[in-house]
Amino acid sequence: MKTNPVIECLLDHRSIRKFTEEEPTDEVLETIVRAGQQAPFASQTYSVLLSRKRETNPFKAPLSFTVCVDSYKFERIMEERGWEFYMNDLSFLFLSIQDASLMAENMIIAGRSLGLGSCLLGAAMGRADKIAEAFNLPPRVFPLVGLVMGYPDEDPPPRPRYPMEYTLFEDEYPRCAGKTVREAIKVMDEGYLAQDYYSSRNAKIPLTRGREETYTFKNYSWTEHICRKLGQWSPDPKMLLEQLEKRGFHITKSRE
């Protein structure tokens, strides 16, 4: 592979959950957010919420961002120009999730380049109503993902990723099976086991639905962990649909 400082910054990414007492300056904060804004976008239908309250921020991080899908402020632009919102909310959300996700990633890279570490938090969607109350959000703003950031007080290794053969498919998507799947499992699981990732955190998702526990921390690793999430959690979309409805997004309704 070729390398340069940007590539090295990207390949060296790791999630940080312990932070020093040093506070990022306003100049650093502005740089991170401005770099986030410069990500590719469809319509910039996002906003970023910020908390500097360490005592209540996840992991007591000095900066806690929530990147939101934001239709509200663009609808104000539409009003100024004599338009009414007509696009269905499902299509709008897919486009805006792209915008918000790209901004969050740019913020992570910018922070890393300035010596900060970060961790994405996926629980914001399920707490959208509580976040909306805390920040007094107007309708049509939906918290998508959390992002904590600060100067690292730990130095974990980068986590494993799938082999290139399980990620990049040229010309035709293969039917993944057999040796290819087993090799992807091996790379991920052996990588996490070598770092004692789950045993050091005592992190094992309990089994439900009558499954018997057969794993110990000697063989419990990433693929089993993620399989337990996707194989047991949230079979009903009701909760997320309710959160979206509370924020003014109606997925199953057409515009009149």
C-alpha atoms as a PDB file:
ATOM      1  CA  MET A   1       0.000   0.000   0.000  1.00  0.00           C
ATOM      2  CA  LYS A   2       1.010   3.576  -0.581  1.00  0.00           C
ATOM      3  CA  THR A   3       1.163   5.854   2.436  1.00  0.00           C
ATOM      4  CA  ASN A   4       1.258   9.507   3.399  1.00  0.00           C
ATOM      5  CA  PRO A   5       0.263  11.437   6.550  1.00  0.00           C
ATOM      6  CA  VAL A   6      -3.446  11.394   5.631  1.00  0.00           C
ATOM      7  CA  ILE A   7      -3.461   7.631   4.996  1.00  0.00           C
ATOM      8  CA  GLU A   8      -1.535   7.036   8.218  1.00  0.00           C
ATOM      9  CA  CYS A   9      -4.076   9.119  10.141  1.00  0.00           C
ATOM     10  CA  LEU A  10      -6.953   7.086   8.675  1.00  0.00           C
ATOM     11  CA  LEU A  11      -5.360   3.678   9.214  1.00  0.00           C
ATOM     12  CA  ASP A  12      -4.412   4.555  12.786  1.00  0.00           C
ATOM     13  CA  HIS A  13      -8.007   5.227  13.835  1.00  0.00           C
ATOM     14  CA  ARG A  14      -9.170   3.705  17.107  1.00  0.00           C
ATOM     15  CA  SER A  15     -12.060   4.473  19.480  1.00  0.00           C
ATOM     16  CA  ILE A  16     -11.050   6.388  22.619  1.00  0.00           C
ATOM     17  CA  ARG A  17     -13.059   6.190  25.836  1.00  0.00           C
ATOM     18  CA  LYS A  18     -10.607   7.697  28.332  1.00  0.00           C
ATOM     19  CA  PHE A  19      -9.606  11.353  28.130  1.00  0.00           C
ATOM     20  CA  THR A  20      -7.115  13.640  29.840  1.00  0.00           C
ATOM     21  CA  GLU A  21      -8.184  16.752  31.737  1.00  0.00           C
ATOM     22  CA  GLU A  22      -6.943  19.005  28.921  1.00  0.00           C
ATOM     23  CA  GLU A  23      -9.713  21.055  27.340  1.00  0.00           C
ATOM     24  CA  PRO A  24      -9.739  21.597  23.561  1.00  0.00           C
ATOM     25  CA  THR A  25      -9.631  25.304  22.751  1.00  0.00           C
ATOM     26  CA  ASP A  26     -12.382  27.142  20.913  1.00  0.00           C
ATOM     27  CA  GLU A  27     -10.051  27.321  17.920  1.00  0.00           C
ATOM     28  CA  VAL A  28      -9.685  23.529  17.905  1.00  0.00           C
ATOM     29  CA  LEU A  29     -13.454  23.117  18.244  1.00  0.00           C
ATOM     30  CA  GLU A  30     -14.135  25.501  15.373  1.00  0.00           C
ATOM     31  CA  THR A  31     -11.574  23.730  13.193  1.00  0.00           C
ATOM     32  CA  ILE A  32     -13.178  20.330  13.800  1.00  0.00           C
ATOM     33  CA  VAL A  33     -16.696  21.525  13.013  1.00  0.00           C
ATOM     34  CA  ARG A  34     -15.587  23.529   9.987  1.00  0.00           C
ATOM     35  CA  ALA A  35     -13.768  20.483   8.621  1.00  0.00           C
ATOM     36  CA  GLY A  36     -16.966  18.507   9.192  1.00  0.00           C
ATOM     37  CA  GLN A  37     -18.953  21.008   7.165  1.00  0.00           C
ATOM     38  CA  GLN A  38     -16.583  20.570   4.259  1.00  0.00           C
ATOM     39  CA  ALA A  39     -17.627  16.930   3.772  1.00  0.00           C
ATOM     40  CA  PRO A  40     -19.535  16.071   0.573  1.00  0.00           C
ATOM     41  CA  PHE A  41     -23.276  16.693   0.912  1.00  0.00           C
ATOM     42  CA  ALA A  42     -26.610  16.468  -0.837  1.00  0.00           C
ATOM     43  CA  SER A  43     -28.291  19.401   0.929  1.00  0.00           C
ATOM     44  CA  GLN A  44     -26.488  20.024   4.260  1.00  0.00           C
ATOM     45  CA  THR A  45     -29.568  18.827   6.122  1.00  0.00           C
ATOM     46  CA  TYR A  46     -27.725  18.305   9.378  1.00  0.00           C
ATOM     47  CA  SER A  47     -26.943  20.165  12.589  1.00  0.00           C
ATOM     48  CA  VAL A  48     -24.502  19.453  15.407  1.00  0.00           C
ATOM     49  CA  LEU A  49     -25.349  19.761  19.105  1.00  0.00           C
ATOM     50  CA  LEU A  50     -22.525  20.306  21.599  1.00  0.00           C
ATOM     51  CA  SER A  51     -22.167  19.691  25.326  1.00  0.00           C
ATOM     52  CA  ARG A  52     -19.002  20.608  27.234  1.00  0.00           C
ATOM     53  CA  LYS A  53     -20.406  19.335  30.533  1.00  0.00           C
ATOM     54  CA  ARG A  54     -17.858  16.696  31.430  1.00  0.00           C
ATOM     55  CA  GLU A  55     -19.774  15.512  34.477  1.00  0.00           C
ATOM     56  CA  THR A  56     -22.688  14.326  32.339  1.00  0.00           C
ATOM     57  CA  ASN A  57     -20.945  13.637  29.013  1.00  0.00           C
ATOM     58  CA  PRO A  58     -20.329   9.979  28.102  1.00  0.00           C
ATOM     59  CA  PHE A  59     -16.902   8.853  29.359  1.00  0.00           C
ATOM     60  CA  LYS A  60     -16.581  12.358  30.887  1.00  0.00           C
ATOM     61  CA  ALA A  61     -15.327  13.585  27.538  1.00  0.00           C
ATOM     62  CA  PRO A  62     -14.627  17.321  27.224  1.00  0.00           C
ATOM     63  CA  LEU A  63     -16.620  17.501  23.983  1.00  0.00           C
ATOM     64  CA  SER A  64     -19.826  15.596  23.343  1.00  0.00           C
ATOM     65  CA  PHE A  65     -21.425  16.148  19.940  1.00  0.00           C
ATOM     66  CA  THR A  66     -24.743  14.869  18.641  1.00  0.00           C
ATOM     67  CA  VAL A  67     -25.003  14.946  14.857  1.00  0.00           C
ATOM     68  CA  CYS A  68     -28.619  15.384  13.807  1.00  0.00           C
ATOM     69  CA  VAL A  69     -30.662  15.048  10.673  1.00  0.00           C
ATOM     70  CA  ASP A  70     -32.195  18.514  10.348  1.00  0.00           C
ATOM     71  CA  SER A  71     -35.148  19.332   8.139  1.00  0.00           C
ATOM     72  CA  TYR A  72     -36.314  22.244  10.289  1.00  0.00           C
ATOM     73  CA  LYS A  73     -33.751  24.842   9.266  1.00  0.00           C
ATOM     74  CA  PHE A  74     -33.910  23.939   5.572  1.00  0.00           C
ATOM     75  CA  GLU A  75     -37.687  24.238   5.663  1.00  0.00           C
ATOM     76  CA  ARG A  76     -37.134  27.809   6.889  1.00  0.00           C
ATOM     77  CA  ILE A  77     -35.078  28.401   3.722  1.00  0.00           C
ATOM     78  CA  MET A  78     -37.903  26.880   1.662  1.00  0.00           C
ATOM     79  CA  GLU A  79     -40.392  29.237   3.299  1.00  0.00           C
ATOM     80  CA  GLU A  80     -38.222  32.215   2.420  1.00  0.00           C
ATOM     81  CA  ARG A  81     -38.158  31.068  -1.199  1.00  0.00           C
ATOM     82  CA  GLY A  82     -41.894  30.302  -1.399  1.00  0.00           C
ATOM     83  CA  TRP A  83     -41.696  26.511  -1.323  1.00  0.00           C
ATOM     84  CA  GLU A  84     -43.381  23.828   0.804  1.00  0.00           C
ATOM     85  CA  PHE A  85     -41.710  20.563   1.766  1.00  0.00           C
ATOM     86  CA  TYR A  86     -42.995  17.805  -0.548  1.00  0.00           C
ATOM     87  CA  MET A  87     -40.425  14.972  -0.563  1.00  0.00           C
ATOM     88  CA  ASN A  88     -41.453  11.850   1.355  1.00  0.00           C
ATOM     89  CA  ASP A  89     -39.692  11.556   4.704  1.00  0.00           C
ATOM     90  CA  LEU A  90     -38.115   8.156   3.998  1.00  0.00           C
ATOM     91  CA  SER A  91     -36.237   9.457   0.953  1.00  0.00           C
ATOM     92  CA  PHE A  92     -35.330  12.624   2.819  1.00  0.00           C
ATOM     93  CA  LEU A  93     -33.957  10.660   5.767  1.00  0.00           C
ATOM     94  CA  PHE A  94     -31.755   8.451   3.583  1.00  0.00           C
ATOM     95  CA  LEU A  95     -30.220  11.491   1.898  1.00  0.00           C
ATOM     96  CA  SER A  96     -29.800  13.370   5.170  1.00  0.00           C
ATOM     97  CA  ILE A  97     -28.280  10.381   6.972  1.00  0.00           C
ATOM     98  CA  GLN A  98     -25.629  10.359   4.258  1.00  0.00           C
ATOM     99  CA  ASP A  99     -24.959  14.068   4.838  1.00  0.00           C
ATOM    100  CA  ALA A 100     -24.803  13.742   8.628  1.00  0.00           C
ATOM    101  CA  SER A 101     -22.629  10.615   8.555  1.00  0.00           C
ATOM    102  CA  LEU A 102     -20.105  12.187   6.209  1.00  0.00           C
ATOM    103  CA  MET A 103     -19.901  15.242   8.435  1.00  0.00           C
ATOM    104  CA  ALA A 104     -19.323  13.084  11.533  1.00  0.00           C
ATOM    105  CA  GLU A 105     -16.535  11.191   9.779  1.00  0.00           C
ATOM    106  CA  ASN A 106     -14.825  14.412   8.712  1.00  0.00           C
ATOM    107  CA  MET A 107     -14.991  15.626  12.309  1.00  0.00           C
ATOM    108  CA  ILE A 108     -13.362  12.403  13.526  1.00  0.00           C
ATOM    109  CA  ILE A 109     -10.534  12.694  10.997  1.00  0.00           C
ATOM    110  CA  ALA A 110     -10.004  16.383  11.742  1.00  0.00           C
ATOM    111  CA  GLY A 111      -9.884  15.700  15.470  1.00  0.00           C
ATOM    112  CA  ARG A 112      -7.428  12.871  14.985  1.00  0.00           C
ATOM    113  CA  SER A 113      -5.160  15.106  12.908  1.00  0.00           C
ATOM    114  CA  LEU A 114      -5.111  17.615  15.797  1.00  0.00           C
ATOM    115  CA  GLY A 115      -4.200  14.967  18.380  1.00  0.00           C
ATOM    116  CA  LEU A 116      -7.702  14.256  19.694  1.00  0.00           C
ATOM    117  CA  GLY A 117      -9.365  10.884  20.039  1.00  0.00           C
ATOM    118  CA  SER A 118     -13.055  10.113  19.618  1.00  0.00           C
ATOM    119  CA  CYS A 119     -15.752   7.491  19.928  1.00  0.00           C
ATOM    120  CA  LEU A 120     -19.007   7.235  18.012  1.00  0.00           C
ATOM    121  CA  LEU A 121     -22.118   6.386  20.056  1.00  0.00           C
ATOM    122  CA  GLY A 122     -25.019   4.762  18.269  1.00  0.00           C
ATOM    123  CA  ALA A 123     -27.644   5.115  21.006  1.00  0.00           C
ATOM    124  CA  ALA A 124     -28.785   8.630  20.071  1.00  0.00           C
ATOM    125  CA  MET A 125     -31.596   7.358  17.817  1.00  0.00           C
ATOM    126  CA  GLY A 126     -33.243   5.509  20.700  1.00  0.00           C
ATOM    127  CA  ARG A 127     -32.968   8.566  22.968  1.00  0.00           C
ATOM    128  CA  ALA A 128     -34.084  11.133  20.432  1.00  0.00           C
ATOM    129  CA  ASP A 129     -36.956  12.375  22.579  1.00  0.00           C
ATOM    130  CA  LYS A 130     -34.735  12.876  25.638  1.00  0.00           C
ATOM    131  CA  ILE A 131     -32.057  14.651  23.595  1.00  0.00           C
ATOM    132  CA  ALA A 132     -34.740  16.824  22.005  1.00  0.00           C
ATOM    133  CA  GLU A 133     -35.958  17.855  25.463  1.00  0.00           C
ATOM    134  CA  ALA A 134     -32.454  18.548  26.757  1.00  0.00           C
ATOM    135  CA  PHE A 135     -31.535  20.766  23.794  1.00  0.00           C
ATOM    136  CA  ASN A 136     -35.025  22.203  23.196  1.00  0.00           C
ATOM    137  CA  LEU A 137     -35.030  20.955  19.615  1.00  0.00           C
ATOM    138  CA  PRO A 138     -37.719  22.163  17.222  1.00  0.00           C
ATOM    139  CA  PRO A 139     -39.735  19.598  15.267  1.00  0.00           C
ATOM    140  CA  ARG A 140     -38.090  17.894  12.290  1.00  0.00           C
ATOM    141  CA  VAL A 141     -34.659  17.602  13.940  1.00  0.00           C
ATOM    142  CA  PHE A 142     -33.646  14.005  14.675  1.00  0.00           C
ATOM    143  CA  PRO A 143     -30.536  13.044  16.703  1.00  0.00           C
ATOM    144  CA  LEU A 144     -28.694  10.472  14.612  1.00  0.00           C
ATOM    145  CA  VAL A 145     -25.376   9.662  16.282  1.00  0.00           C
ATOM    146  CA  GLY A 146     -23.292  10.771  19.251  1.00  0.00           C
ATOM    147  CA  LEU A 147     -19.589  11.603  19.038  1.00  0.00           C
ATOM    148  CA  VAL A 148     -17.382  12.189  22.077  1.00  0.00           C
ATOM    149  CA  MET A 149     -13.963  13.737  21.651  1.00  0.00           C
ATOM    150  CA  GLY A 150     -10.957  14.852  23.666  1.00  0.00           C
ATOM    151  CA  TYR A 151      -7.271  14.251  24.214  1.00  0.00           C
ATOM    152  CA  PRO A 152      -6.630  10.505  24.684  1.00  0.00           C
ATOM    153  CA  ASP A 153      -5.666   9.083  28.057  1.00  0.00           C
ATOM    154  CA  GLU A 154      -5.284   5.587  26.609  1.00  0.00           C
ATOM    155  CA  ASP A 155      -3.537   4.093  23.598  1.00  0.00           C
ATOM    156  CA  PRO A 156      -5.459   1.045  22.350  1.00  0.00           C
ATOM    157  CA  PRO A 157      -4.380  -0.610  19.107  1.00  0.00           C
ATOM    158  CA  PRO A 158      -6.436  -0.170  15.941  1.00  0.00           C
ATOM    159  CA  ARG A 159      -9.125  -2.850  15.752  1.00  0.00           C
ATOM    160  CA  PRO A 160      -9.176  -5.477  12.989  1.00  0.00           C
ATOM    161  CA  ARG A 161     -11.117  -5.079   9.763  1.00  0.00           C
ATOM    162  CA  TYR A 162     -12.403  -7.593   7.211  1.00  0.00           C
ATOM    163  CA  PRO A 163      -9.940  -8.833   4.581  1.00  0.00           C
ATOM    164  CA  MET A 164     -10.040  -6.829   1.359  1.00  0.00           C
ATOM    165  CA  GLU A 165     -11.545  -9.869  -0.394  1.00  0.00           C
ATOM    166  CA  TYR A 166     -14.594  -9.622   1.862  1.00  0.00           C
ATOM    167  CA  THR A 167     -15.019  -5.917   1.221  1.00  0.00           C
ATOM    168  CA  LEU A 168     -14.092  -4.971  -2.349  1.00  0.00           C
ATOM    169  CA  PHE A 169     -16.042  -6.715  -5.127  1.00  0.00           C
ATOM    170  CA  GLU A 170     -15.057  -5.766  -8.659  1.00  0.00           C
ATOM    171  CA  ASP A 171     -17.529  -6.117 -11.552  1.00  0.00           C
ATOM    172  CA  GLU A 172     -19.766  -8.659  -9.812  1.00  0.00           C
ATOM    173  CA  TYR A 173     -20.884  -9.345  -6.246  1.00  0.00           C
ATOM    174  CA  PRO A 174     -19.772 -12.879  -5.273  1.00  0.00           C
ATOM    175  CA  ARG A 175     -21.922 -15.338  -3.366  1.00  0.00           C
ATOM    176  CA  CYS A 176     -20.001 -15.327  -0.099  1.00  0.00           C
ATOM    177  CA  ALA A 177     -19.649 -18.808   1.337  1.00  0.00           C
ATOM    178  CA  GLY A 178     -17.235 -21.405   2.611  1.00  0.00           C
ATOM    179  CA  LYS A 179     -13.571 -20.479   2.723  1.00  0.00           C
ATOM    180  CA  THR A 180     -14.127 -16.745   2.111  1.00  0.00           C
ATOM    181  CA  VAL A 181     -16.553 -16.419   5.015  1.00  0.00           C
ATOM    182  CA  ARG A 182     -14.407 -18.521   7.334  1.00  0.00           C
ATOM    183  CA  GLU A 183     -11.345 -16.412   6.524  1.00  0.00           C
ATOM    184  CA  ALA A 184     -13.252 -13.198   7.303  1.00  0.00           C
ATOM    185  CA  ILE A 185     -14.388 -14.692  10.636  1.00  0.00           C
ATOM    186  CA  LYS A 186     -10.843 -15.792  11.434  1.00  0.00           C
ATOM    187  CA  VAL A 187      -9.307 -12.381  10.737  1.00  0.00           C
ATOM    188  CA  MET A 188     -11.817 -10.540  12.885  1.00  0.00           C
ATOM    189  CA  ASP A 189     -11.984 -12.998  15.765  1.00  0.00           C
ATOM    190  CA  GLU A 190      -8.282 -13.729  16.085  1.00  0.00           C
ATOM    191  CA  GLY A 191      -7.539 -10.018  15.931  1.00  0.00           C
ATOM    192  CA  TYR A 192      -9.900  -9.175  18.783  1.00  0.00           C
ATOM    193  CA  LEU A 193      -8.829 -12.187  20.853  1.00  0.00           C
ATOM    194  CA  ALA A 194      -5.184 -11.157  20.520  1.00  0.00           C
ATOM    195  CA  GLN A 195      -6.109  -7.794  22.034  1.00  0.00           C
ATOM    196  CA  ASP A 196      -8.203  -9.344  24.859  1.00  0.00           C
ATOM    197  CA  TYR A 197     -10.893  -6.912  23.784  1.00  0.00           C
ATOM    198  CA  TYR A 198     -13.979  -8.579  25.285  1.00  0.00           C
ATOM    199  CA  SER A 199     -12.350 -10.363  28.225  1.00  0.00           C
ATOM    200  CA  SER A 200     -10.722  -7.144  29.451  1.00  0.00           C
ATOM    201  CA  ARG A 201     -14.151  -5.473  29.446  1.00  0.00           C
ATOM    202  CA  ASN A 202     -16.023  -8.510  30.732  1.00  0.00           C
ATOM    203  CA  ALA A 203     -18.322  -7.842  27.795  1.00  0.00           C
ATOM    204  CA  LYS A 204     -20.438 -10.752  26.692  1.00  0.00           C
ATOM    205  CA  ILE A 205     -24.005 -10.349  25.471  1.00  0.00           C
ATOM    206  CA  PRO A 206     -26.342 -12.827  27.255  1.00  0.00           C
ATOM    207  CA  LEU A 207     -28.114 -15.365  25.077  1.00  0.00           C
ATOM    208  CA  THR A 208     -31.911 -15.388  24.756  1.00  0.00           C
ATOM    209  CA  ARG A 209     -34.522 -17.348  22.817  1.00  0.00           C
ATOM    210  CA  GLY A 210     -33.466 -20.647  24.376  1.00  0.00           C
ATOM    211  CA  ARG A 211     -29.866 -20.660  23.144  1.00  0.00           C
ATOM    212  CA  GLU A 212     -27.358 -22.398  25.411  1.00  0.00           C
ATOM    213  CA  GLU A 213     -24.121 -20.618  26.302  1.00  0.00           C
ATOM    214  CA  THR A 214     -21.081 -22.482  24.943  1.00  0.00           C
ATOM    215  CA  TYR A 215     -18.561 -19.622  24.709  1.00  0.00           C
ATOM    216  CA  THR A 216     -15.932 -18.508  27.188  1.00  0.00           C
ATOM    217  CA  PHE A 217     -13.683 -15.473  26.822  1.00  0.00           C
ATOM    218  CA  LYS A 218     -11.111 -17.789  25.257  1.00  0.00           C
ATOM    219  CA  ASN A 219     -13.214 -18.009  22.085  1.00  0.00           C
ATOM    220  CA  TYR A 220     -15.872 -15.292  22.439  1.00  0.00           C
ATOM    221  CA  SER A 221     -14.939 -12.605  19.943  1.00  0.00           C
ATOM    222  CA  TRP A 222     -16.216 -10.071  17.450  1.00  0.00           C
ATOM    223  CA  THR A 223     -18.330 -12.180  15.088  1.00  0.00           C
ATOM    224  CA  GLU A 224     -20.162 -13.926  17.950  1.00  0.00           C
ATOM    225  CA  HIS A 225     -20.677 -10.575  19.684  1.00  0.00           C
ATOM    226  CA  ILE A 226     -22.183  -8.918  16.612  1.00  0.00           C
ATOM    227  CA  CYS A 227     -24.226 -12.013  15.751  1.00  0.00           C
ATOM    228  CA  ARG A 228     -25.786 -11.810  19.213  1.00  0.00           C
ATOM    229  CA  LYS A 229     -26.754  -8.199  18.583  1.00  0.00           C
ATOM    230  CA  LEU A 230     -28.259  -8.759  15.135  1.00  0.00           C
ATOM    231  CA  GLY A 231     -29.691 -12.150  16.067  1.00  0.00           C
ATOM    232  CA  GLN A 232     -31.463 -11.059  19.266  1.00  0.00           C
ATOM    233  CA  TRP A 233     -32.051  -7.322  19.469  1.00  0.00           C
ATOM    234  CA  SER A 234     -34.865  -5.067  18.213  1.00  0.00           C
ATOM    235  CA  PRO A 235     -36.920  -7.275  15.893  1.00  0.00           C
ATOM    236  CA  ASP A 236     -39.740  -4.692  15.971  1.00  0.00           C
ATOM    237  CA  PRO A 237     -39.103  -1.257  14.390  1.00  0.00           C
ATOM    238  CA  LYS A 238     -41.866   0.271  16.513  1.00  0.00           C
ATOM    239  CA  MET A 239     -39.547   2.045  18.955  1.00  0.00           C
ATOM    240  CA  LEU A 240     -37.533   3.778  16.254  1.00  0.00           C
ATOM    241  CA  LEU A 241     -40.649   4.665  14.265  1.00  0.00           C
ATOM    242  CA  GLU A 242     -42.141   6.189  17.418  1.00  0.00           C
ATOM    243  CA  GLN A 243     -39.005   8.251  17.990  1.00  0.00           C
ATOM    244  CA  LEU A 244     -39.154   9.509  14.405  1.00  0.00           C
ATOM    245  CA  GLU A 245     -42.863  10.314  14.738  1.00  0.00           C
ATOM    246  CA  LYS A 246     -42.205  12.300  17.907  1.00  0.00           C
ATOM    247  CA  ARG A 247     -39.658  14.368  15.989  1.00  0.00           C
ATOM    248  CA  GLY A 248     -42.078  14.997  13.098  1.00  0.00           C
ATOM    249  CA  PHE A 249     -40.884  12.397  10.565  1.00  0.00           C
ATOM    250  CA  HIS A 250     -43.637  10.155   9.179  1.00  0.00           C
ATOM    251  CA  ILE A 251     -42.103   7.211   7.338  1.00  0.00           C
ATOM    252  CA  THR A 252     -45.256   5.417   6.222  1.00  0.00           C
ATOM    253  CA  LYS A 253     -47.238   8.462   5.091  1.00  0.00           C
ATOM    254  CA  SER A 254     -47.295  10.087   1.662  1.00  0.00           C
ATOM    255  CA  ARG A 255     -47.462  13.834   1.059  1.00  0.00           C
ATOM    256  CA  GLU A 256     -50.878  14.971  -0.093  1.00  0.00           C
END
